[in-house]
Amino acid sequence: MDVPILKATVRTETGSKAMKELRKNREFIPGVLYGKGKDNVYLTATEVDIYKLMMSKQTLVQLVIDGAKSAEYAMFKEAQWDTWGEYLQHFDLLRVSLKDKVETNVDIILKNADTAPGVKAGGTIELLKNKVALECPADEIPESIVVDAGNINTGERCTVADLPLHDNFTLVDNPENLVFICHAPKGEEEIEADAQVQDAMQKEPEVLKEKEADDEA
């Protein structure tokens, strides 16, 4: 497998004040490397490099620190974002070897849902879980788990245990958790009831209107 390279620099200043200064122009993002019984190494990497890796859903990287000739393998374990979830504030990297069994969260992707018999019959497929926690070798972390929903009928469902996984993958999630379900088409009474609820939510109660008028007076 092709493992991307992440270039990082050791940072000597730590603490909230130093982090605040570092984040001012958002050019560099602070991080930490830990694991394998070695000392923690406090790092910085460019925002561009980190975002590029995260957008590609890449978990495993070859980490090159301070221009070293050799790299070490590490995987993203945690990312801390600002309050609005717009800007990355900090990243954690865990040292690994390629054959280590590691725990990770992998995206679940449905395919052929639009052509499923249940959908053609007027039903809808509801995705209840978009990630699955599993354990696998570090060099075999999948970008996603693809589930073919093309044969799903109304009333049928898919659980975590039904996901197509390699033999050397181990589920961490509860295998009984639902991934998706195909709902039957709504009857006329259900559609009418939903419409009444929506209509009631859009209308302002008369009592509230009268109270507002009294308050203004």
N, C-alpha and C. Protein backbone atom coordinates (compact mmCIF):
# COMPACT_ATOMS: atom_id res chain seq x y z
N MET A 1 0.84 -1.19 0.00
CA MET A 1 0.00 0.00 0.00
C MET A 1 0.88 1.25 0.00
N ASP A 2 0.38 2.32 -0.62
CA ASP A 2 1.10 3.60 -0.63
C ASP A 2 0.72 4.38 0.62
N VAL A 3 1.71 4.64 1.45
CA VAL A 3 1.47 5.39 2.68
C VAL A 3 2.02 6.80 2.50
N PRO A 4 1.19 7.82 2.60
CA PRO A 4 1.64 9.19 2.37
C PRO A 4 2.62 9.66 3.44
N ILE A 5 3.42 10.63 3.07
CA ILE A 5 4.41 11.20 3.99
C ILE A 5 3.86 12.47 4.63
N LEU A 6 4.05 12.60 5.93
CA LEU A 6 3.72 13.83 6.64
C LEU A 6 5.00 14.40 7.22
N LYS A 7 5.34 15.61 6.81
CA LYS A 7 6.53 16.28 7.34
C LYS A 7 6.14 17.12 8.55
N ALA A 8 6.92 16.98 9.62
CA ALA A 8 6.62 17.71 10.85
C ALA A 8 7.92 18.25 11.45
N THR A 9 7.76 19.21 12.35
CA THR A 9 8.88 19.83 13.04
C THR A 9 8.67 19.74 14.54
N VAL A 10 9.73 19.46 15.27
CA VAL A 10 9.64 19.41 16.73
C VAL A 10 9.43 20.82 17.27
N ARG A 11 8.50 20.97 18.20
CA ARG A 11 8.30 22.26 18.86
C ARG A 11 8.74 22.14 20.32
N THR A 12 9.41 23.14 20.77
CA THR A 12 9.95 23.10 22.14
C THR A 12 9.05 23.84 23.12
N GLU A 13 8.24 24.75 22.60
CA GLU A 13 7.36 25.52 23.48
C GLU A 13 5.99 24.84 23.56
N THR A 14 5.52 24.63 24.79
CA THR A 14 4.21 24.02 25.01
C THR A 14 3.39 24.93 25.91
N GLY A 15 2.17 24.53 26.19
CA GLY A 15 1.31 25.35 27.03
C GLY A 15 0.33 26.16 26.21
N SER A 16 -0.72 26.65 26.87
CA SER A 16 -1.80 27.34 26.18
C SER A 16 -1.34 28.63 25.50
N LYS A 17 -0.42 29.36 26.13
CA LYS A 17 0.03 30.62 25.53
C LYS A 17 0.78 30.37 24.23
N ALA A 18 1.67 29.35 24.25
CA ALA A 18 2.43 29.01 23.05
C ALA A 18 1.50 28.51 21.95
N MET A 19 0.49 27.73 22.33
CA MET A 19 -0.46 27.21 21.34
C MET A 19 -1.28 28.34 20.72
N LYS A 20 -1.64 29.32 21.54
CA LYS A 20 -2.41 30.45 21.03
C LYS A 20 -1.61 31.23 19.99
N GLU A 21 -0.33 31.42 20.27
CA GLU A 21 0.54 32.14 19.34
C GLU A 21 0.68 31.37 18.03
N LEU A 22 0.83 30.04 18.17
CA LEU A 22 1.03 29.20 16.99
C LEU A 22 -0.18 29.20 16.08
N ARG A 23 -1.37 29.28 16.68
CA ARG A 23 -2.61 29.18 15.90
C ARG A 23 -3.05 30.51 15.30
N LYS A 24 -2.34 31.58 15.61
CA LYS A 24 -2.79 32.90 15.18
C LYS A 24 -3.04 32.99 13.68
N ASN A 25 -2.06 32.57 12.89
CA ASN A 25 -2.24 32.68 11.44
C ASN A 25 -2.66 31.38 10.78
N ARG A 26 -2.83 30.31 11.59
CA ARG A 26 -3.32 29.01 11.13
C ARG A 26 -2.43 28.38 10.05
N GLU A 27 -1.19 28.83 9.94
CA GLU A 27 -0.29 28.22 8.97
C GLU A 27 0.22 26.87 9.46
N PHE A 28 0.44 26.79 10.79
CA PHE A 28 0.91 25.54 11.39
C PHE A 28 -0.08 25.07 12.46
N ILE A 29 -0.15 23.75 12.59
CA ILE A 29 -1.05 23.15 13.58
C ILE A 29 -0.21 22.32 14.57
N PRO A 30 -0.42 22.50 15.86
CA PRO A 30 0.33 21.71 16.85
C PRO A 30 -0.20 20.29 16.95
N GLY A 31 0.70 19.38 17.30
CA GLY A 31 0.31 17.99 17.48
C GLY A 31 1.25 17.29 18.44
N VAL A 32 0.99 16.03 18.68
CA VAL A 32 1.84 15.24 19.56
C VAL A 32 1.94 13.82 19.01
N LEU A 33 3.11 13.22 19.14
CA LEU A 33 3.35 11.83 18.76
C LEU A 33 3.63 11.05 20.03
N TYR A 34 2.96 9.91 20.20
CA TYR A 34 3.15 9.11 21.41
C TYR A 34 3.01 7.62 21.09
N GLY A 35 3.30 6.79 22.09
CA GLY A 35 3.12 5.35 21.94
C GLY A 35 4.42 4.56 21.88
N LYS A 36 4.30 3.24 21.91
CA LYS A 36 5.43 2.30 21.84
C LYS A 36 6.39 2.46 23.02
N GLY A 37 5.91 3.01 24.12
CA GLY A 37 6.75 3.16 25.30
C GLY A 37 7.81 4.23 25.20
N LYS A 38 7.74 5.06 24.16
CA LYS A 38 8.73 6.13 23.96
C LYS A 38 8.18 7.45 24.49
N ASP A 39 9.07 8.43 24.64
CA ASP A 39 8.66 9.75 25.11
C ASP A 39 7.76 10.43 24.08
N ASN A 40 6.86 11.26 24.57
CA ASN A 40 6.04 12.06 23.68
C ASN A 40 6.91 13.07 22.93
N VAL A 41 6.57 13.30 21.68
CA VAL A 41 7.26 14.31 20.88
C VAL A 41 6.22 15.34 20.44
N TYR A 42 6.46 16.59 20.80
CA TYR A 42 5.53 17.66 20.45
C TYR A 42 5.93 18.25 19.09
N LEU A 43 4.93 18.34 18.20
CA LEU A 43 5.21 18.63 16.80
C LEU A 43 4.39 19.81 16.29
N THR A 44 4.78 20.28 15.11
CA THR A 44 3.92 21.14 14.30
C THR A 44 3.98 20.62 12.86
N ALA A 45 2.89 20.78 12.16
CA ALA A 45 2.82 20.44 10.74
C ALA A 45 1.99 21.52 10.06
N THR A 46 2.18 21.69 8.76
CA THR A 46 1.44 22.74 8.08
C THR A 46 -0.04 22.37 7.99
N GLU A 47 -0.87 23.40 8.05
CA GLU A 47 -2.31 23.19 7.94
C GLU A 47 -2.66 22.54 6.59
N VAL A 48 -1.96 22.95 5.55
CA VAL A 48 -2.22 22.41 4.22
C VAL A 48 -2.00 20.90 4.19
N ASP A 49 -0.88 20.44 4.75
CA ASP A 49 -0.56 19.01 4.74
C ASP A 49 -1.56 18.20 5.56
N ILE A 50 -1.92 18.73 6.74
CA ILE A 50 -2.85 18.00 7.61
C ILE A 50 -4.23 17.91 6.96
N TYR A 51 -4.73 19.00 6.42
CA TYR A 51 -6.05 19.00 5.81
C TYR A 51 -6.09 18.08 4.59
N LYS A 52 -5.00 18.06 3.83
CA LYS A 52 -4.93 17.21 2.65
C LYS A 52 -5.09 15.74 3.04
N LEU A 53 -4.42 15.34 4.12
CA LEU A 53 -4.50 13.95 4.58
C LEU A 53 -5.90 13.64 5.10
N MET A 54 -6.48 14.56 5.83
CA MET A 54 -7.81 14.31 6.40
C MET A 54 -8.88 14.27 5.31
N MET A 55 -8.75 15.10 4.30
CA MET A 55 -9.72 15.08 3.21
C MET A 55 -9.64 13.78 2.42
N SER A 56 -8.46 13.18 2.39
CA SER A 56 -8.29 11.91 1.67
C SER A 56 -8.67 10.71 2.52
N LYS A 57 -9.13 10.96 3.76
CA LYS A 57 -9.53 9.90 4.70
C LYS A 57 -8.34 9.01 5.07
N GLN A 58 -7.13 9.55 4.94
CA GLN A 58 -5.93 8.77 5.23
C GLN A 58 -5.69 8.72 6.73
N THR A 59 -5.50 7.51 7.27
CA THR A 59 -5.26 7.34 8.70
C THR A 59 -3.80 7.09 9.00
N LEU A 60 -3.16 6.27 8.17
CA LEU A 60 -1.76 5.88 8.38
C LEU A 60 -0.84 6.81 7.58
N VAL A 61 0.26 7.25 8.22
CA VAL A 61 1.22 8.12 7.54
C VAL A 61 2.65 7.68 7.86
N GLN A 62 3.56 8.09 6.96
CA GLN A 62 4.99 7.98 7.25
C GLN A 62 5.43 9.35 7.76
N LEU A 63 5.80 9.41 9.01
CA LEU A 63 6.12 10.67 9.66
C LEU A 63 7.62 10.96 9.54
N VAL A 64 7.94 12.10 8.94
CA VAL A 64 9.32 12.55 8.83
C VAL A 64 9.48 13.79 9.69
N ILE A 65 10.32 13.70 10.72
CA ILE A 65 10.48 14.79 11.68
C ILE A 65 11.81 15.51 11.44
N ASP A 66 11.70 16.82 11.30
CA ASP A 66 12.88 17.68 11.12
C ASP A 66 13.78 17.21 9.98
N GLY A 67 13.17 16.76 8.90
CA GLY A 67 13.93 16.39 7.73
C GLY A 67 14.77 15.12 7.87
N ALA A 68 14.40 14.25 8.82
CA ALA A 68 15.16 13.01 9.03
C ALA A 68 15.17 12.16 7.77
N LYS A 69 16.24 11.37 7.60
CA LYS A 69 16.36 10.52 6.41
C LYS A 69 15.41 9.33 6.48
N SER A 70 15.06 8.92 7.67
CA SER A 70 14.15 7.78 7.82
C SER A 70 12.84 8.25 8.44
N ALA A 71 11.78 7.55 8.10
CA ALA A 71 10.45 7.90 8.61
C ALA A 71 9.97 6.82 9.57
N GLU A 72 9.01 7.16 10.40
CA GLU A 72 8.37 6.16 11.24
C GLU A 72 6.87 6.20 10.99
N TYR A 73 6.25 5.04 11.12
CA TYR A 73 4.82 4.96 10.85
C TYR A 73 4.02 5.44 12.06
N ALA A 74 2.97 6.15 11.76
CA ALA A 74 2.07 6.64 12.80
C ALA A 74 0.67 6.74 12.23
N MET A 75 -0.32 6.75 13.09
CA MET A 75 -1.70 6.90 12.63
C MET A 75 -2.41 7.99 13.43
N PHE A 76 -3.30 8.69 12.75
CA PHE A 76 -4.08 9.72 13.42
C PHE A 76 -5.03 9.06 14.43
N LYS A 77 -4.98 9.54 15.68
CA LYS A 77 -5.85 9.00 16.71
C LYS A 77 -6.93 9.99 17.12
N GLU A 78 -6.61 11.26 17.05
CA GLU A 78 -7.60 12.25 17.49
C GLU A 78 -7.31 13.59 16.84
N ALA A 79 -8.37 14.33 16.58
CA ALA A 79 -8.25 15.68 16.04
C ALA A 79 -9.18 16.59 16.83
N GLN A 80 -8.67 17.72 17.28
CA GLN A 80 -9.47 18.67 18.05
C GLN A 80 -9.76 19.89 17.18
N TRP A 81 -11.06 20.23 17.09
CA TRP A 81 -11.50 21.35 16.25
C TRP A 81 -11.98 22.49 17.12
N ASP A 82 -12.13 23.66 16.50
CA ASP A 82 -12.64 24.80 17.25
C ASP A 82 -14.12 24.61 17.52
N THR A 83 -14.70 25.56 18.24
CA THR A 83 -16.10 25.44 18.68
C THR A 83 -17.07 25.22 17.53
N TRP A 84 -16.78 25.83 16.39
CA TRP A 84 -17.68 25.75 15.23
C TRP A 84 -17.31 24.62 14.28
N GLY A 85 -16.28 23.86 14.61
CA GLY A 85 -15.87 22.75 13.77
C GLY A 85 -15.28 23.16 12.44
N GLU A 86 -14.72 24.38 12.36
CA GLU A 86 -14.18 24.88 11.10
C GLU A 86 -12.67 24.72 11.01
N TYR A 87 -11.97 24.96 12.12
CA TYR A 87 -10.51 24.97 12.08
C TYR A 87 -9.94 23.93 13.03
N LEU A 88 -8.96 23.19 12.52
CA LEU A 88 -8.28 22.19 13.33
C LEU A 88 -7.38 22.88 14.35
N GLN A 89 -7.46 22.43 15.60
CA GLN A 89 -6.68 23.03 16.67
C GLN A 89 -5.48 22.19 17.09
N HIS A 90 -5.61 20.87 16.98
CA HIS A 90 -4.56 19.99 17.48
C HIS A 90 -4.77 18.59 16.91
N PHE A 91 -3.68 17.85 16.71
CA PHE A 91 -3.81 16.46 16.23
C PHE A 91 -2.92 15.54 17.07
N ASP A 92 -3.37 14.30 17.24
CA ASP A 92 -2.63 13.27 17.96
C ASP A 92 -2.21 12.17 17.00
N LEU A 93 -0.96 11.75 17.08
CA LEU A 93 -0.45 10.64 16.28
C LEU A 93 0.04 9.53 17.19
N LEU A 94 -0.28 8.30 16.83
CA LEU A 94 0.14 7.13 17.59
C LEU A 94 1.18 6.34 16.79
N ARG A 95 2.33 6.06 17.42
CA ARG A 95 3.35 5.25 16.75
C ARG A 95 2.82 3.84 16.53
N VAL A 96 3.06 3.29 15.33
CA VAL A 96 2.64 1.93 15.02
C VAL A 96 3.68 1.27 14.13
N SER A 97 3.63 -0.05 14.08
CA SER A 97 4.35 -0.78 13.04
C SER A 97 3.27 -1.32 12.11
N LEU A 98 3.66 -1.67 10.89
CA LEU A 98 2.65 -2.01 9.89
C LEU A 98 1.79 -3.21 10.26
N LYS A 99 2.32 -4.12 11.04
CA LYS A 99 1.57 -5.33 11.38
C LYS A 99 0.86 -5.22 12.73
N ASP A 100 0.98 -4.09 13.39
CA ASP A 100 0.24 -3.88 14.64
C ASP A 100 -1.26 -3.94 14.37
N LYS A 101 -2.00 -4.55 15.28
CA LYS A 101 -3.45 -4.49 15.22
C LYS A 101 -3.88 -3.18 15.88
N VAL A 102 -4.58 -2.35 15.14
CA VAL A 102 -4.99 -1.05 15.66
C VAL A 102 -6.51 -0.91 15.59
N GLU A 103 -7.04 -0.09 16.49
CA GLU A 103 -8.48 0.17 16.49
C GLU A 103 -8.74 1.49 15.77
N THR A 104 -9.72 1.49 14.88
CA THR A 104 -10.01 2.69 14.10
C THR A 104 -11.48 2.74 13.73
N ASN A 105 -11.95 3.93 13.35
CA ASN A 105 -13.33 4.11 12.88
C ASN A 105 -13.31 4.29 11.37
N VAL A 106 -14.11 3.52 10.67
CA VAL A 106 -14.12 3.52 9.21
C VAL A 106 -15.50 3.91 8.70
N ASP A 107 -15.52 4.76 7.66
CA ASP A 107 -16.79 5.20 7.07
C ASP A 107 -17.54 4.02 6.44
N ILE A 108 -18.87 4.07 6.55
CA ILE A 108 -19.74 3.10 5.88
C ILE A 108 -20.40 3.81 4.70
N ILE A 109 -20.30 3.22 3.53
CA ILE A 109 -20.88 3.81 2.32
C ILE A 109 -21.86 2.81 1.68
N LEU A 110 -23.06 3.30 1.38
CA LEU A 110 -24.06 2.48 0.70
C LEU A 110 -23.96 2.69 -0.81
N LYS A 111 -24.10 1.62 -1.55
CA LYS A 111 -24.18 1.74 -3.01
C LYS A 111 -25.43 1.03 -3.50
N ASN A 112 -25.91 1.48 -4.63
CA ASN A 112 -27.09 0.91 -5.29
C ASN A 112 -28.37 1.03 -4.47
N ALA A 113 -28.40 1.97 -3.51
CA ALA A 113 -29.59 2.13 -2.69
C ALA A 113 -30.79 2.59 -3.54
N ASP A 114 -30.52 3.42 -4.54
CA ASP A 114 -31.61 3.94 -5.37
C ASP A 114 -32.28 2.87 -6.21
N THR A 115 -31.57 1.78 -6.47
CA THR A 115 -32.13 0.72 -7.32
C THR A 115 -32.63 -0.48 -6.51
N ALA A 116 -32.63 -0.35 -5.18
CA ALA A 116 -33.11 -1.44 -4.33
C ALA A 116 -34.60 -1.69 -4.58
N PRO A 117 -35.04 -2.95 -4.58
CA PRO A 117 -36.46 -3.25 -4.80
C PRO A 117 -37.38 -2.51 -3.82
N GLY A 118 -36.93 -2.38 -2.57
CA GLY A 118 -37.75 -1.68 -1.59
C GLY A 118 -37.94 -0.21 -1.92
N VAL A 119 -36.93 0.41 -2.47
CA VAL A 119 -37.01 1.83 -2.85
C VAL A 119 -37.88 1.98 -4.10
N LYS A 120 -37.73 1.07 -5.05
CA LYS A 120 -38.55 1.11 -6.26
C LYS A 120 -40.03 0.92 -5.93
N ALA A 121 -40.29 0.22 -4.82
CA ALA A 121 -41.68 -0.01 -4.41
C ALA A 121 -42.23 1.16 -3.61
N GLY A 122 -41.44 2.21 -3.45
CA GLY A 122 -41.91 3.40 -2.74
C GLY A 122 -41.36 3.55 -1.34
N GLY A 123 -40.54 2.59 -0.91
CA GLY A 123 -39.95 2.66 0.43
C GLY A 123 -38.74 3.58 0.47
N THR A 124 -38.19 3.73 1.65
CA THR A 124 -37.00 4.57 1.83
C THR A 124 -35.97 3.83 2.68
N ILE A 125 -34.70 4.00 2.32
CA ILE A 125 -33.62 3.42 3.11
C ILE A 125 -33.07 4.49 4.05
N GLU A 126 -33.08 4.19 5.33
CA GLU A 126 -32.57 5.13 6.34
C GLU A 126 -31.22 4.62 6.86
N LEU A 127 -30.19 5.44 6.69
CA LEU A 127 -28.86 5.10 7.20
C LEU A 127 -28.79 5.53 8.65
N LEU A 128 -28.58 4.58 9.54
CA LEU A 128 -28.57 4.85 10.98
C LEU A 128 -27.16 4.93 11.55
N LYS A 129 -26.19 4.42 10.81
CA LYS A 129 -24.81 4.39 11.31
C LYS A 129 -23.87 4.61 10.13
N ASN A 130 -23.05 5.67 10.19
CA ASN A 130 -22.17 5.95 9.04
C ASN A 130 -20.70 5.63 9.30
N LYS A 131 -20.41 5.08 10.47
CA LYS A 131 -19.05 4.64 10.78
C LYS A 131 -19.10 3.35 11.58
N VAL A 132 -18.05 2.55 11.47
CA VAL A 132 -17.95 1.33 12.26
C VAL A 132 -16.58 1.26 12.90
N ALA A 133 -16.55 0.88 14.17
CA ALA A 133 -15.28 0.71 14.89
C ALA A 133 -14.80 -0.72 14.71
N LEU A 134 -13.56 -0.86 14.26
CA LEU A 134 -13.00 -2.20 14.07
C LEU A 134 -11.51 -2.21 14.38
N GLU A 135 -10.97 -3.41 14.48
CA GLU A 135 -9.54 -3.61 14.72
C GLU A 135 -8.96 -4.35 13.54
N CYS A 136 -7.84 -3.85 13.02
CA CYS A 136 -7.23 -4.47 11.85
C CYS A 136 -5.74 -4.12 11.82
N PRO A 137 -4.95 -4.82 10.98
CA PRO A 137 -3.54 -4.46 10.84
C PRO A 137 -3.40 -3.03 10.34
N ALA A 138 -2.39 -2.33 10.84
CA ALA A 138 -2.22 -0.91 10.49
C ALA A 138 -2.08 -0.69 8.99
N ASP A 139 -1.46 -1.65 8.30
CA ASP A 139 -1.26 -1.47 6.85
C ASP A 139 -2.46 -1.93 6.02
N GLU A 140 -3.56 -2.29 6.69
CA GLU A 140 -4.76 -2.72 5.96
C GLU A 140 -5.99 -1.90 6.33
N ILE A 141 -5.77 -0.72 6.92
CA ILE A 141 -6.91 0.12 7.28
C ILE A 141 -7.65 0.56 6.01
N PRO A 142 -8.92 0.20 5.89
CA PRO A 142 -9.66 0.57 4.67
C PRO A 142 -10.12 2.02 4.73
N GLU A 143 -10.24 2.64 3.55
CA GLU A 143 -10.78 4.00 3.50
C GLU A 143 -12.26 3.99 3.86
N SER A 144 -12.95 2.91 3.51
CA SER A 144 -14.38 2.81 3.80
C SER A 144 -14.82 1.36 3.70
N ILE A 145 -15.98 1.08 4.25
CA ILE A 145 -16.64 -0.22 4.09
C ILE A 145 -17.85 0.02 3.20
N VAL A 146 -17.85 -0.60 2.02
CA VAL A 146 -18.93 -0.38 1.05
C VAL A 146 -19.96 -1.51 1.18
N VAL A 147 -21.21 -1.12 1.34
CA VAL A 147 -22.31 -2.08 1.49
C VAL A 147 -23.23 -1.96 0.29
N ASP A 148 -23.47 -3.07 -0.37
CA ASP A 148 -24.37 -3.10 -1.53
C ASP A 148 -25.81 -3.28 -1.05
N ALA A 149 -26.61 -2.22 -1.23
CA ALA A 149 -28.01 -2.27 -0.81
C ALA A 149 -28.95 -2.57 -1.98
N GLY A 150 -28.40 -3.02 -3.08
CA GLY A 150 -29.18 -3.20 -4.30
C GLY A 150 -30.25 -4.27 -4.24
N ASN A 151 -30.18 -5.19 -3.26
CA ASN A 151 -31.18 -6.27 -3.18
C ASN A 151 -32.10 -6.13 -1.98
N ILE A 152 -32.09 -4.97 -1.33
CA ILE A 152 -32.86 -4.78 -0.11
C ILE A 152 -34.34 -4.53 -0.40
N ASN A 153 -35.18 -5.25 0.30
CA ASN A 153 -36.63 -5.07 0.19
C ASN A 153 -37.15 -4.32 1.42
N THR A 154 -38.38 -3.84 1.34
CA THR A 154 -38.98 -3.13 2.47
C THR A 154 -39.03 -4.04 3.69
N GLY A 155 -38.71 -3.46 4.84
CA GLY A 155 -38.72 -4.23 6.09
C GLY A 155 -37.39 -4.90 6.39
N GLU A 156 -36.51 -4.97 5.41
CA GLU A 156 -35.22 -5.60 5.64
C GLU A 156 -34.23 -4.60 6.22
N ARG A 157 -33.23 -5.13 6.93
CA ARG A 157 -32.27 -4.29 7.59
C ARG A 157 -30.87 -4.87 7.51
N CYS A 158 -29.91 -4.04 7.82
CA CYS A 158 -28.51 -4.47 7.84
C CYS A 158 -27.92 -4.11 9.20
N THR A 159 -27.28 -5.07 9.85
CA THR A 159 -26.63 -4.81 11.13
C THR A 159 -25.12 -4.75 10.94
N VAL A 160 -24.43 -4.35 11.97
CA VAL A 160 -22.96 -4.31 11.93
C VAL A 160 -22.39 -5.67 11.58
N ALA A 161 -23.03 -6.73 12.08
CA ALA A 161 -22.56 -8.09 11.80
C ALA A 161 -22.66 -8.45 10.33
N ASP A 162 -23.52 -7.76 9.58
CA ASP A 162 -23.71 -8.04 8.16
C ASP A 162 -22.69 -7.33 7.27
N LEU A 163 -21.88 -6.45 7.82
CA LEU A 163 -20.93 -5.70 7.01
C LEU A 163 -19.88 -6.62 6.41
N PRO A 164 -19.50 -6.38 5.16
CA PRO A 164 -18.49 -7.22 4.51
C PRO A 164 -17.07 -6.85 4.98
N LEU A 165 -16.53 -7.65 5.87
CA LEU A 165 -15.21 -7.37 6.43
C LEU A 165 -14.22 -8.48 6.08
N HIS A 166 -12.96 -8.14 5.99
CA HIS A 166 -11.92 -9.15 5.78
C HIS A 166 -11.83 -10.08 6.99
N ASP A 167 -11.31 -11.27 6.77
CA ASP A 167 -11.22 -12.25 7.84
C ASP A 167 -10.34 -11.80 8.99
N ASN A 168 -9.33 -10.97 8.70
CA ASN A 168 -8.43 -10.53 9.77
C ASN A 168 -8.86 -9.21 10.41
N PHE A 169 -10.11 -8.80 10.15
CA PHE A 169 -10.68 -7.63 10.82
C PHE A 169 -11.54 -8.11 11.98
N THR A 170 -11.51 -7.39 13.07
CA THR A 170 -12.32 -7.72 14.24
C THR A 170 -13.24 -6.56 14.57
N LEU A 171 -14.52 -6.83 14.74
CA LEU A 171 -15.46 -5.79 15.09
C LEU A 171 -15.25 -5.32 16.52
N VAL A 172 -15.31 -4.02 16.71
CA VAL A 172 -15.29 -3.43 18.05
C VAL A 172 -16.70 -2.99 18.42
N ASP A 173 -17.45 -2.51 17.44
CA ASP A 173 -18.85 -2.14 17.65
C ASP A 173 -19.69 -3.37 18.00
N ASN A 174 -20.83 -3.10 18.63
CA ASN A 174 -21.80 -4.15 18.90
C ASN A 174 -22.32 -4.69 17.57
N PRO A 175 -22.15 -6.00 17.30
CA PRO A 175 -22.58 -6.55 16.00
C PRO A 175 -24.08 -6.46 15.76
N GLU A 176 -24.86 -6.23 16.82
CA GLU A 176 -26.32 -6.15 16.67
C GLU A 176 -26.80 -4.74 16.32
N ASN A 177 -25.90 -3.76 16.36
CA ASN A 177 -26.31 -2.39 16.04
C ASN A 177 -26.77 -2.30 14.59
N LEU A 178 -27.84 -1.53 14.37
CA LEU A 178 -28.37 -1.35 13.02
C LEU A 178 -27.52 -0.38 12.21
N VAL A 179 -27.28 -0.74 10.96
CA VAL A 179 -26.58 0.15 10.03
C VAL A 179 -27.60 0.90 9.18
N PHE A 180 -28.53 0.17 8.59
CA PHE A 180 -29.61 0.83 7.85
C PHE A 180 -30.83 -0.08 7.83
N ILE A 181 -31.97 0.52 7.50
CA ILE A 181 -33.23 -0.22 7.40
C ILE A 181 -34.02 0.35 6.24
N CYS A 182 -34.78 -0.50 5.57
CA CYS A 182 -35.62 -0.06 4.46
C CYS A 182 -37.06 0.01 4.95
N HIS A 183 -37.57 1.24 5.05
CA HIS A 183 -38.93 1.44 5.54
C HIS A 183 -39.93 1.22 4.41
N ALA A 184 -41.09 0.68 4.78
CA ALA A 184 -42.17 0.49 3.81
C ALA A 184 -42.76 1.85 3.44
N PRO A 185 -43.40 1.93 2.27
CA PRO A 185 -44.03 3.20 1.87
C PRO A 185 -45.08 3.62 2.91
N LYS A 186 -45.19 4.93 3.11
CA LYS A 186 -46.19 5.43 4.05
C LYS A 186 -47.57 5.34 3.44
N GLY A 187 -48.55 4.95 4.29
CA GLY A 187 -49.93 4.92 3.84
C GLY A 187 -50.50 6.33 3.80
N GLU A 188 -51.71 6.47 3.24
CA GLU A 188 -52.34 7.78 3.12
C GLU A 188 -52.56 8.42 4.50
N GLU A 189 -52.94 7.60 5.49
CA GLU A 189 -53.19 8.13 6.82
C GLU A 189 -51.91 8.70 7.44
N GLU A 190 -50.79 7.99 7.25
CA GLU A 190 -49.51 8.46 7.79
C GLU A 190 -49.08 9.76 7.11
N ILE A 191 -49.27 9.83 5.79
CA ILE A 191 -48.90 11.04 5.05
C ILE A 191 -49.73 12.22 5.53
N GLU A 192 -51.05 11.98 5.72
CA GLU A 192 -51.94 13.05 6.17
C GLU A 192 -51.57 13.50 7.58
N ALA A 193 -51.23 12.53 8.44
CA ALA A 193 -50.84 12.86 9.82
C ALA A 193 -49.57 13.69 9.84
N ASP A 194 -48.60 13.32 9.00
CA ASP A 194 -47.34 14.09 8.92
C ASP A 194 -47.62 15.52 8.45
N ALA A 195 -48.52 15.64 7.47
CA ALA A 195 -48.85 16.96 6.94
C ALA A 195 -49.51 17.82 8.02
N GLN A 196 -50.37 17.22 8.84
CA GLN A 196 -51.04 17.95 9.91
C GLN A 196 -50.03 18.43 10.96
N VAL A 197 -49.07 17.57 11.26
CA VAL A 197 -48.03 17.94 12.23
C VAL A 197 -47.21 19.12 11.70
N GLN A 198 -46.81 19.05 10.42
CA GLN A 198 -46.04 20.13 9.81
C GLN A 198 -46.85 21.42 9.79
N ASP A 199 -48.13 21.30 9.49
CA ASP A 199 -49.00 22.47 9.43
C ASP A 199 -49.13 23.12 10.81
N ALA A 200 -49.27 22.27 11.83
CA ALA A 200 -49.41 22.77 13.20
C ALA A 200 -48.13 23.45 13.67
N MET A 201 -46.98 22.93 13.25
CA MET A 201 -45.71 23.51 13.65
C MET A 201 -45.50 24.88 13.01
N GLN A 202 -46.08 25.08 11.82
CA GLN A 202 -45.89 26.33 11.10
C GLN A 202 -46.85 27.42 11.58
N LYS A 203 -47.96 27.00 12.15
CA LYS A 203 -48.96 27.97 12.60
C LYS A 203 -48.64 28.42 14.03
N GLU A 204 -48.80 29.72 14.28
CA GLU A 204 -48.57 30.26 15.61
C GLU A 204 -49.83 30.11 16.43
N PRO A 205 -49.76 29.59 17.65
CA PRO A 205 -50.98 29.42 18.47
C PRO A 205 -51.67 30.75 18.73
N GLU A 206 -53.01 30.73 18.68
CA GLU A 206 -53.79 31.95 18.88
C GLU A 206 -53.55 32.52 20.28
N VAL A 207 -53.39 31.64 21.27
CA VAL A 207 -53.18 32.09 22.65
C VAL A 207 -51.92 32.92 22.74
N LEU A 208 -50.86 32.46 22.03
CA LEU A 208 -49.60 33.17 22.04
C LEU A 208 -49.76 34.53 21.38
N LYS A 209 -50.53 34.60 20.29
CA LYS A 209 -50.75 35.86 19.60
C LYS A 209 -51.46 36.86 20.51
N GLU A 210 -52.50 36.37 21.25
CA GLU A 210 -53.26 37.24 22.13
C GLU A 210 -52.38 37.77 23.24
N LYS A 211 -51.47 36.88 23.78
CA LYS A 211 -50.60 37.30 24.86
C LYS A 211 -49.62 38.37 24.37
N GLU A 212 -49.11 38.21 23.14
CA GLU A 212 -48.20 39.19 22.60
C GLU A 212 -48.88 40.54 22.43
N ALA A 213 -50.15 40.49 22.01
CA ALA A 213 -50.90 41.73 21.82
C ALA A 213 -51.08 42.43 23.15
N ASP A 214 -51.38 41.67 24.23
CA ASP A 214 -51.57 42.23 25.56
C ASP A 214 -50.27 42.87 26.05
N ASP A 215 -49.14 42.19 25.78
CA ASP A 215 -47.83 42.68 26.23
C ASP A 215 -47.50 43.99 25.55
N GLU A 216 -47.85 44.10 24.24
CA GLU A 216 -47.56 45.32 23.50
C GLU A 216 -48.40 46.49 23.97
N ALA A 217 -49.65 46.16 24.42
CA ALA A 217 -50.54 47.20 24.92
C ALA A 217 -50.02 47.74 26.24
